[in-house]
Amino acid sequence: MSIHVYYFTCMLRAARPVSSAPRFTERLQNQSVNEGQPVHFTAEAVGVPQPMLGWSKDGRILPVAGEHYRIETDGGRSSLHIAAARPDDNAWFQCTAASVVGTAVNRARLIVHGMRSSLRRYYLRQRGNVFARLRLFVCVSVC
């Protein structure tokens, strides 16, 4: 009886999962609106695994179901809606995309012109028009 010994070499390669850190497809744009106007910010992030998205205002996390802010997220796309901007909405709004691979941020400034500042600008513009008319009248009358 003979014993045969065979040696086998088996190579096993485990496929590394493909992963990539979150990144935003576009930068958020600063917005300037009058008090009472609607505001919409939309951000889209990609990455593997798909990142979770969240919003903050001046560094404070916004709740998904707030009274004044409405956040809608579908996959890697998230929108922040403000039905009627208020002066206290003057702030930096930031969308954060996070996964186990990393984090990315995208932010924009919102400037809300209150009714008082709008009325003041209107008054100054009209006052300038009145002075221009008076100067023209005085010049035509005296000259």
N, C-alpha and C. Protein backbone atom coordinates (compact mmCIF):
# COMPACT_ATOMS: atom_id res chain seq x y z
N MET A 1 0.82 -1.15 0.00
CA MET A 1 0.00 0.00 0.00
C MET A 1 0.88 1.23 0.00
N SER A 2 0.62 2.08 -0.91
CA SER A 2 1.41 3.29 -1.01
C SER A 2 0.55 4.50 -0.67
N ILE A 3 1.16 5.40 -0.04
CA ILE A 3 0.45 6.63 0.34
C ILE A 3 0.96 7.74 -0.56
N HIS A 4 0.02 8.39 -1.14
CA HIS A 4 0.35 9.53 -2.01
C HIS A 4 -0.05 10.82 -1.32
N VAL A 5 0.84 11.71 -1.27
CA VAL A 5 0.56 13.02 -0.65
C VAL A 5 0.55 14.05 -1.77
N TYR A 6 -0.52 14.74 -1.81
CA TYR A 6 -0.66 15.80 -2.82
C TYR A 6 -0.78 17.15 -2.11
N TYR A 7 -0.09 18.11 -2.64
CA TYR A 7 -0.17 19.46 -2.10
C TYR A 7 -0.86 20.35 -3.13
N PHE A 8 -1.83 21.09 -2.65
CA PHE A 8 -2.55 22.02 -3.52
C PHE A 8 -2.37 23.44 -2.98
N THR A 9 -2.22 24.32 -3.89
CA THR A 9 -2.18 25.72 -3.50
C THR A 9 -3.46 26.35 -3.99
N CYS A 10 -4.15 26.92 -3.08
CA CYS A 10 -5.42 27.57 -3.44
C CYS A 10 -5.27 29.05 -3.13
N MET A 11 -5.54 29.86 -4.11
CA MET A 11 -5.46 31.30 -3.91
C MET A 11 -6.87 31.86 -3.89
N LEU A 12 -7.15 32.52 -2.85
CA LEU A 12 -8.47 33.12 -2.69
C LEU A 12 -8.30 34.63 -2.62
N ARG A 13 -8.98 35.29 -3.48
CA ARG A 13 -8.93 36.76 -3.46
C ARG A 13 -10.33 37.28 -3.13
N ALA A 14 -10.38 37.96 -2.06
CA ALA A 14 -11.66 38.56 -1.68
C ALA A 14 -11.78 39.90 -2.38
N ALA A 15 -12.90 40.08 -2.99
CA ALA A 15 -13.13 41.35 -3.68
C ALA A 15 -13.34 42.44 -2.63
N ARG A 16 -12.58 43.49 -2.78
CA ARG A 16 -12.75 44.63 -1.88
C ARG A 16 -13.99 45.40 -2.29
N PRO A 17 -14.82 45.72 -1.33
CA PRO A 17 -16.00 46.51 -1.71
C PRO A 17 -15.56 47.89 -2.21
N VAL A 18 -16.17 48.31 -3.26
CA VAL A 18 -15.87 49.62 -3.82
C VAL A 18 -16.56 50.66 -2.94
N SER A 19 -15.80 51.61 -2.47
CA SER A 19 -16.40 52.66 -1.65
C SER A 19 -15.80 54.00 -2.05
N SER A 20 -16.59 55.03 -1.86
CA SER A 20 -16.10 56.38 -2.15
C SER A 20 -16.74 57.36 -1.18
N ALA A 21 -15.97 58.33 -0.79
CA ALA A 21 -16.45 59.35 0.15
C ALA A 21 -17.56 60.18 -0.49
N PRO A 22 -18.46 60.69 0.33
CA PRO A 22 -19.53 61.54 -0.21
C PRO A 22 -18.97 62.80 -0.86
N ARG A 23 -19.64 63.24 -1.91
CA ARG A 23 -19.31 64.52 -2.54
C ARG A 23 -20.59 65.07 -3.15
N PHE A 24 -20.68 66.39 -3.19
CA PHE A 24 -21.86 67.04 -3.76
C PHE A 24 -21.66 67.24 -5.25
N THR A 25 -22.74 67.08 -6.00
CA THR A 25 -22.65 67.23 -7.46
C THR A 25 -22.61 68.69 -7.87
N GLU A 26 -23.20 69.58 -7.07
CA GLU A 26 -23.18 71.03 -7.35
C GLU A 26 -23.11 71.79 -6.05
N ARG A 27 -22.57 73.01 -6.12
CA ARG A 27 -22.52 73.87 -4.95
C ARG A 27 -23.86 74.57 -4.76
N LEU A 28 -24.26 74.75 -3.50
CA LEU A 28 -25.45 75.55 -3.22
C LEU A 28 -25.16 77.00 -3.58
N GLN A 29 -26.18 77.72 -4.00
CA GLN A 29 -26.03 79.12 -4.38
C GLN A 29 -26.60 80.02 -3.29
N ASN A 30 -25.89 81.11 -2.99
CA ASN A 30 -26.42 82.11 -2.06
C ASN A 30 -27.70 82.67 -2.63
N GLN A 31 -28.63 83.04 -1.74
CA GLN A 31 -29.90 83.61 -2.19
C GLN A 31 -30.20 84.88 -1.40
N SER A 32 -30.88 85.80 -2.07
CA SER A 32 -31.30 87.05 -1.47
C SER A 32 -32.77 87.24 -1.82
N VAL A 33 -33.63 87.30 -0.80
CA VAL A 33 -35.08 87.40 -1.04
C VAL A 33 -35.68 88.46 -0.13
N ASN A 34 -36.89 88.87 -0.46
CA ASN A 34 -37.64 89.78 0.40
C ASN A 34 -38.41 88.97 1.43
N GLU A 35 -38.68 89.59 2.54
CA GLU A 35 -39.45 88.95 3.60
C GLU A 35 -40.78 88.45 3.02
N GLY A 36 -41.15 87.23 3.38
CA GLY A 36 -42.42 86.65 2.92
C GLY A 36 -42.29 85.79 1.67
N GLN A 37 -41.17 85.90 0.96
CA GLN A 37 -40.99 85.09 -0.25
C GLN A 37 -40.54 83.67 0.11
N PRO A 38 -40.88 82.70 -0.76
CA PRO A 38 -40.43 81.33 -0.52
C PRO A 38 -38.95 81.16 -0.87
N VAL A 39 -38.31 80.19 -0.22
CA VAL A 39 -36.90 79.88 -0.46
C VAL A 39 -36.76 78.36 -0.59
N HIS A 40 -35.95 77.94 -1.55
CA HIS A 40 -35.70 76.51 -1.75
C HIS A 40 -34.20 76.30 -1.98
N PHE A 41 -33.62 75.41 -1.20
CA PHE A 41 -32.24 74.95 -1.41
C PHE A 41 -32.32 73.47 -1.74
N THR A 42 -31.62 73.04 -2.77
CA THR A 42 -31.59 71.62 -3.12
C THR A 42 -30.14 71.18 -3.30
N ALA A 43 -29.81 70.05 -2.68
CA ALA A 43 -28.45 69.51 -2.76
C ALA A 43 -28.53 68.04 -3.14
N GLU A 44 -27.54 67.62 -3.91
CA GLU A 44 -27.45 66.21 -4.30
C GLU A 44 -26.04 65.72 -4.03
N ALA A 45 -25.95 64.58 -3.33
CA ALA A 45 -24.64 64.01 -2.99
C ALA A 45 -24.57 62.57 -3.49
N VAL A 46 -23.35 62.19 -3.89
CA VAL A 46 -23.11 60.82 -4.33
C VAL A 46 -22.00 60.22 -3.49
N GLY A 47 -21.94 58.91 -3.45
CA GLY A 47 -20.91 58.20 -2.71
C GLY A 47 -21.35 56.76 -2.50
N VAL A 48 -20.39 55.91 -2.15
CA VAL A 48 -20.69 54.50 -1.88
C VAL A 48 -20.12 54.18 -0.51
N PRO A 49 -20.96 53.81 0.45
CA PRO A 49 -22.41 53.69 0.36
C PRO A 49 -23.07 55.07 0.24
N GLN A 50 -24.34 55.05 -0.15
CA GLN A 50 -25.07 56.30 -0.33
C GLN A 50 -25.09 57.08 0.98
N PRO A 51 -24.68 58.36 0.94
CA PRO A 51 -24.61 59.14 2.18
C PRO A 51 -25.98 59.55 2.71
N MET A 52 -26.03 59.77 4.00
CA MET A 52 -27.22 60.33 4.66
C MET A 52 -27.07 61.84 4.59
N LEU A 53 -28.20 62.54 4.38
CA LEU A 53 -28.16 64.00 4.25
C LEU A 53 -28.91 64.66 5.39
N GLY A 54 -28.38 65.78 5.86
CA GLY A 54 -29.04 66.55 6.90
C GLY A 54 -28.77 68.03 6.69
N TRP A 55 -29.63 68.88 7.27
CA TRP A 55 -29.53 70.34 7.11
C TRP A 55 -29.30 71.01 8.45
N SER A 56 -28.58 72.13 8.41
CA SER A 56 -28.39 72.94 9.61
C SER A 56 -28.43 74.42 9.23
N LYS A 57 -28.76 75.22 10.24
CA LYS A 57 -28.81 76.68 10.08
C LYS A 57 -27.84 77.27 11.10
N ASP A 58 -26.83 77.98 10.61
CA ASP A 58 -25.80 78.56 11.48
C ASP A 58 -25.27 77.54 12.49
N GLY A 59 -25.05 76.30 12.02
CA GLY A 59 -24.47 75.26 12.86
C GLY A 59 -25.44 74.49 13.71
N ARG A 60 -26.71 74.84 13.72
CA ARG A 60 -27.72 74.11 14.50
C ARG A 60 -28.52 73.20 13.58
N ILE A 61 -28.60 71.94 13.95
CA ILE A 61 -29.29 70.96 13.11
C ILE A 61 -30.78 71.28 13.04
N LEU A 62 -31.31 71.25 11.82
CA LEU A 62 -32.74 71.50 11.61
C LEU A 62 -33.50 70.17 11.67
N PRO A 63 -34.64 70.16 12.36
CA PRO A 63 -35.44 68.92 12.39
C PRO A 63 -36.07 68.67 11.03
N VAL A 64 -36.25 67.39 10.71
CA VAL A 64 -36.84 67.04 9.41
C VAL A 64 -38.27 67.57 9.31
N ALA A 65 -39.01 67.52 10.39
CA ALA A 65 -40.40 67.97 10.38
C ALA A 65 -40.55 69.18 11.31
N GLY A 66 -40.07 70.32 10.85
CA GLY A 66 -40.18 71.54 11.65
C GLY A 66 -41.40 72.35 11.24
N GLU A 67 -41.71 73.36 12.03
CA GLU A 67 -42.84 74.23 11.72
C GLU A 67 -42.53 75.16 10.55
N HIS A 68 -41.35 75.75 10.59
CA HIS A 68 -41.00 76.78 9.61
C HIS A 68 -40.21 76.21 8.43
N TYR A 69 -39.44 75.17 8.69
CA TYR A 69 -38.61 74.56 7.64
C TYR A 69 -39.15 73.18 7.30
N ARG A 70 -39.18 72.89 6.00
CA ARG A 70 -39.62 71.56 5.54
C ARG A 70 -38.47 70.94 4.76
N ILE A 71 -38.10 69.74 5.14
CA ILE A 71 -36.99 69.04 4.49
C ILE A 71 -37.53 67.79 3.81
N GLU A 72 -37.19 67.63 2.54
CA GLU A 72 -37.58 66.44 1.78
C GLU A 72 -36.31 65.77 1.27
N THR A 73 -36.15 64.48 1.55
CA THR A 73 -34.98 63.75 1.11
C THR A 73 -35.41 62.49 0.38
N ASP A 74 -34.81 62.28 -0.78
CA ASP A 74 -35.08 61.09 -1.57
C ASP A 74 -33.75 60.57 -2.08
N GLY A 75 -33.25 59.51 -1.48
CA GLY A 75 -31.95 58.97 -1.88
C GLY A 75 -30.86 59.96 -1.58
N GLY A 76 -30.09 60.32 -2.58
CA GLY A 76 -28.98 61.25 -2.40
C GLY A 76 -29.35 62.70 -2.68
N ARG A 77 -30.63 63.01 -2.77
CA ARG A 77 -31.09 64.37 -3.07
C ARG A 77 -31.95 64.87 -1.92
N SER A 78 -31.67 66.10 -1.46
CA SER A 78 -32.43 66.66 -0.35
C SER A 78 -32.74 68.13 -0.62
N SER A 79 -33.94 68.54 -0.23
CA SER A 79 -34.37 69.93 -0.42
C SER A 79 -34.83 70.52 0.90
N LEU A 80 -34.48 71.77 1.09
CA LEU A 80 -34.93 72.54 2.25
C LEU A 80 -35.87 73.61 1.72
N HIS A 81 -37.08 73.66 2.26
CA HIS A 81 -38.09 74.62 1.82
C HIS A 81 -38.48 75.54 2.97
N ILE A 82 -38.55 76.83 2.65
CA ILE A 82 -39.06 77.83 3.59
C ILE A 82 -40.22 78.49 2.85
N ALA A 83 -41.44 78.34 3.37
CA ALA A 83 -42.63 78.86 2.68
C ALA A 83 -42.62 80.38 2.62
N ALA A 84 -42.25 81.03 3.71
CA ALA A 84 -42.23 82.50 3.76
C ALA A 84 -41.03 82.93 4.60
N ALA A 85 -40.02 83.47 3.95
CA ALA A 85 -38.78 83.86 4.64
C ALA A 85 -39.04 84.98 5.64
N ARG A 86 -38.34 84.90 6.76
CA ARG A 86 -38.43 85.91 7.82
C ARG A 86 -37.05 86.52 8.02
N PRO A 87 -36.99 87.72 8.63
CA PRO A 87 -35.68 88.33 8.89
C PRO A 87 -34.76 87.43 9.71
N ASP A 88 -35.30 86.62 10.62
CA ASP A 88 -34.43 85.74 11.41
C ASP A 88 -33.92 84.54 10.61
N ASP A 89 -34.29 84.44 9.33
CA ASP A 89 -33.74 83.42 8.44
C ASP A 89 -32.43 83.87 7.80
N ASN A 90 -32.00 85.11 8.06
CA ASN A 90 -30.68 85.55 7.59
C ASN A 90 -29.65 84.64 8.26
N ALA A 91 -29.04 83.75 7.48
CA ALA A 91 -28.14 82.77 8.08
C ALA A 91 -27.40 81.99 7.00
N TRP A 92 -26.45 81.18 7.47
CA TRP A 92 -25.78 80.20 6.62
C TRP A 92 -26.55 78.89 6.75
N PHE A 93 -26.98 78.34 5.62
CA PHE A 93 -27.64 77.04 5.61
C PHE A 93 -26.66 76.03 5.03
N GLN A 94 -26.58 74.88 5.69
CA GLN A 94 -25.60 73.88 5.29
C GLN A 94 -26.25 72.51 5.17
N CYS A 95 -25.91 71.82 4.09
CA CYS A 95 -26.31 70.43 3.91
C CYS A 95 -25.07 69.59 4.15
N THR A 96 -25.21 68.56 4.99
CA THR A 96 -24.09 67.67 5.29
C THR A 96 -24.42 66.28 4.77
N ALA A 97 -23.48 65.71 4.03
CA ALA A 97 -23.60 64.34 3.52
C ALA A 97 -22.59 63.50 4.29
N ALA A 98 -23.06 62.41 4.94
CA ALA A 98 -22.17 61.60 5.75
C ALA A 98 -22.39 60.11 5.51
N SER A 99 -21.31 59.38 5.51
CA SER A 99 -21.36 57.92 5.43
C SER A 99 -20.18 57.39 6.23
N VAL A 100 -20.01 56.06 6.27
CA VAL A 100 -18.90 55.47 7.01
C VAL A 100 -17.56 55.82 6.36
N VAL A 101 -17.59 56.26 5.11
CA VAL A 101 -16.36 56.57 4.38
C VAL A 101 -15.90 58.01 4.60
N GLY A 102 -16.83 58.92 4.91
CA GLY A 102 -16.44 60.31 5.10
C GLY A 102 -17.62 61.25 5.18
N THR A 103 -17.31 62.53 5.14
CA THR A 103 -18.32 63.59 5.26
C THR A 103 -18.01 64.69 4.26
N ALA A 104 -19.07 65.31 3.73
CA ALA A 104 -18.92 66.46 2.84
C ALA A 104 -19.95 67.50 3.27
N VAL A 105 -19.61 68.77 3.10
CA VAL A 105 -20.55 69.85 3.44
C VAL A 105 -20.73 70.77 2.24
N ASN A 106 -21.89 71.35 2.18
CA ASN A 106 -22.27 72.26 1.10
C ASN A 106 -23.09 73.36 1.76
N ARG A 107 -22.68 74.62 1.62
CA ARG A 107 -23.43 75.66 2.33
C ARG A 107 -23.63 76.89 1.47
N ALA A 108 -24.65 77.65 1.87
CA ALA A 108 -24.99 78.88 1.16
C ALA A 108 -25.57 79.88 2.15
N ARG A 109 -25.47 81.13 1.81
CA ARG A 109 -25.98 82.22 2.65
C ARG A 109 -27.35 82.63 2.15
N LEU A 110 -28.27 82.83 3.09
CA LEU A 110 -29.59 83.37 2.77
C LEU A 110 -29.68 84.76 3.38
N ILE A 111 -30.00 85.74 2.53
CA ILE A 111 -30.20 87.11 3.00
C ILE A 111 -31.67 87.45 2.79
N VAL A 112 -32.33 87.85 3.87
CA VAL A 112 -33.75 88.21 3.81
C VAL A 112 -33.87 89.70 4.07
N HIS A 113 -34.40 90.40 3.08
CA HIS A 113 -34.62 91.85 3.23
C HIS A 113 -35.97 92.03 3.88
N GLY A 114 -35.96 92.61 5.09
CA GLY A 114 -37.20 92.83 5.82
C GLY A 114 -38.02 93.94 5.20
N MET A 115 -39.28 94.01 5.57
CA MET A 115 -40.17 95.04 5.03
C MET A 115 -39.65 96.43 5.34
N ARG A 116 -39.10 96.63 6.54
CA ARG A 116 -38.59 97.95 6.91
C ARG A 116 -37.45 98.37 5.99
N SER A 117 -36.52 97.46 5.72
CA SER A 117 -35.41 97.84 4.86
C SER A 117 -35.89 98.07 3.43
N SER A 118 -36.89 97.30 2.98
CA SER A 118 -37.44 97.50 1.64
C SER A 118 -38.13 98.86 1.55
N LEU A 119 -38.90 99.21 2.58
CA LEU A 119 -39.57 100.51 2.59
C LEU A 119 -38.56 101.64 2.65
N ARG A 120 -37.50 101.45 3.43
CA ARG A 120 -36.46 102.49 3.53
C ARG A 120 -35.80 102.71 2.18
N ARG A 121 -35.46 101.62 1.47
CA ARG A 121 -34.85 101.77 0.14
C ARG A 121 -35.81 102.48 -0.81
N TYR A 122 -37.10 102.13 -0.74
CA TYR A 122 -38.10 102.77 -1.60
C TYR A 122 -38.18 104.26 -1.27
N TYR A 123 -38.21 104.59 0.02
CA TYR A 123 -38.30 105.98 0.45
C TYR A 123 -37.09 106.77 -0.04
N LEU A 124 -35.89 106.22 0.14
CA LEU A 124 -34.68 106.92 -0.30
C LEU A 124 -34.67 107.11 -1.82
N ARG A 125 -35.13 106.11 -2.54
CA ARG A 125 -35.18 106.22 -4.00
C ARG A 125 -36.19 107.31 -4.41
N GLN A 126 -37.35 107.33 -3.75
CA GLN A 126 -38.36 108.34 -4.07
C GLN A 126 -37.89 109.73 -3.65
N ARG A 127 -37.24 109.82 -2.49
CA ARG A 127 -36.74 111.10 -2.03
C ARG A 127 -35.72 111.65 -3.03
N GLY A 128 -34.86 110.78 -3.53
CA GLY A 128 -33.89 111.19 -4.55
C GLY A 128 -34.59 111.69 -5.79
N ASN A 129 -35.67 111.05 -6.19
CA ASN A 129 -36.43 111.48 -7.37
C ASN A 129 -37.06 112.86 -7.14
N VAL A 130 -37.56 113.08 -5.93
CA VAL A 130 -38.18 114.37 -5.61
C VAL A 130 -37.12 115.48 -5.67
N PHE A 131 -35.95 115.24 -5.08
CA PHE A 131 -34.88 116.24 -5.12
C PHE A 131 -34.44 116.51 -6.55
N ALA A 132 -34.37 115.50 -7.36
CA ALA A 132 -33.97 115.68 -8.76
C ALA A 132 -35.01 116.53 -9.47
N ARG A 133 -36.29 116.28 -9.20
CA ARG A 133 -37.34 117.08 -9.83
C ARG A 133 -37.28 118.53 -9.35
N LEU A 134 -37.03 118.75 -8.03
CA LEU A 134 -36.94 120.10 -7.49
C LEU A 134 -35.76 120.85 -8.12
N ARG A 135 -34.61 120.18 -8.25
CA ARG A 135 -33.46 120.82 -8.86
C ARG A 135 -33.76 121.21 -10.31
N LEU A 136 -34.40 120.35 -11.03
CA LEU A 136 -34.76 120.64 -12.42
C LEU A 136 -35.72 121.82 -12.46
N PHE A 137 -36.73 121.83 -11.58
CA PHE A 137 -37.70 122.90 -11.53
C PHE A 137 -37.03 124.22 -11.20
N VAL A 138 -36.15 124.21 -10.18
CA VAL A 138 -35.47 125.43 -9.77
C VAL A 138 -34.58 125.94 -10.91
N CYS A 139 -33.88 125.04 -11.56
CA CYS A 139 -32.98 125.42 -12.64
C CYS A 139 -33.79 126.02 -13.80
N VAL A 140 -34.91 125.41 -14.15
CA VAL A 140 -35.71 125.90 -15.28
C VAL A 140 -36.33 127.24 -14.91
N SER A 141 -36.76 127.38 -13.67
CA SER A 141 -37.42 128.62 -13.26
C SER A 141 -36.44 129.78 -13.14
N VAL A 142 -35.26 129.53 -12.59
CA VAL A 142 -34.31 130.59 -12.31
C VAL A 142 -33.42 130.84 -13.51
N CYS A 143 -33.02 129.80 -14.20
CA CYS A 143 -32.05 129.94 -15.28
C CYS A 143 -32.60 130.68 -16.41
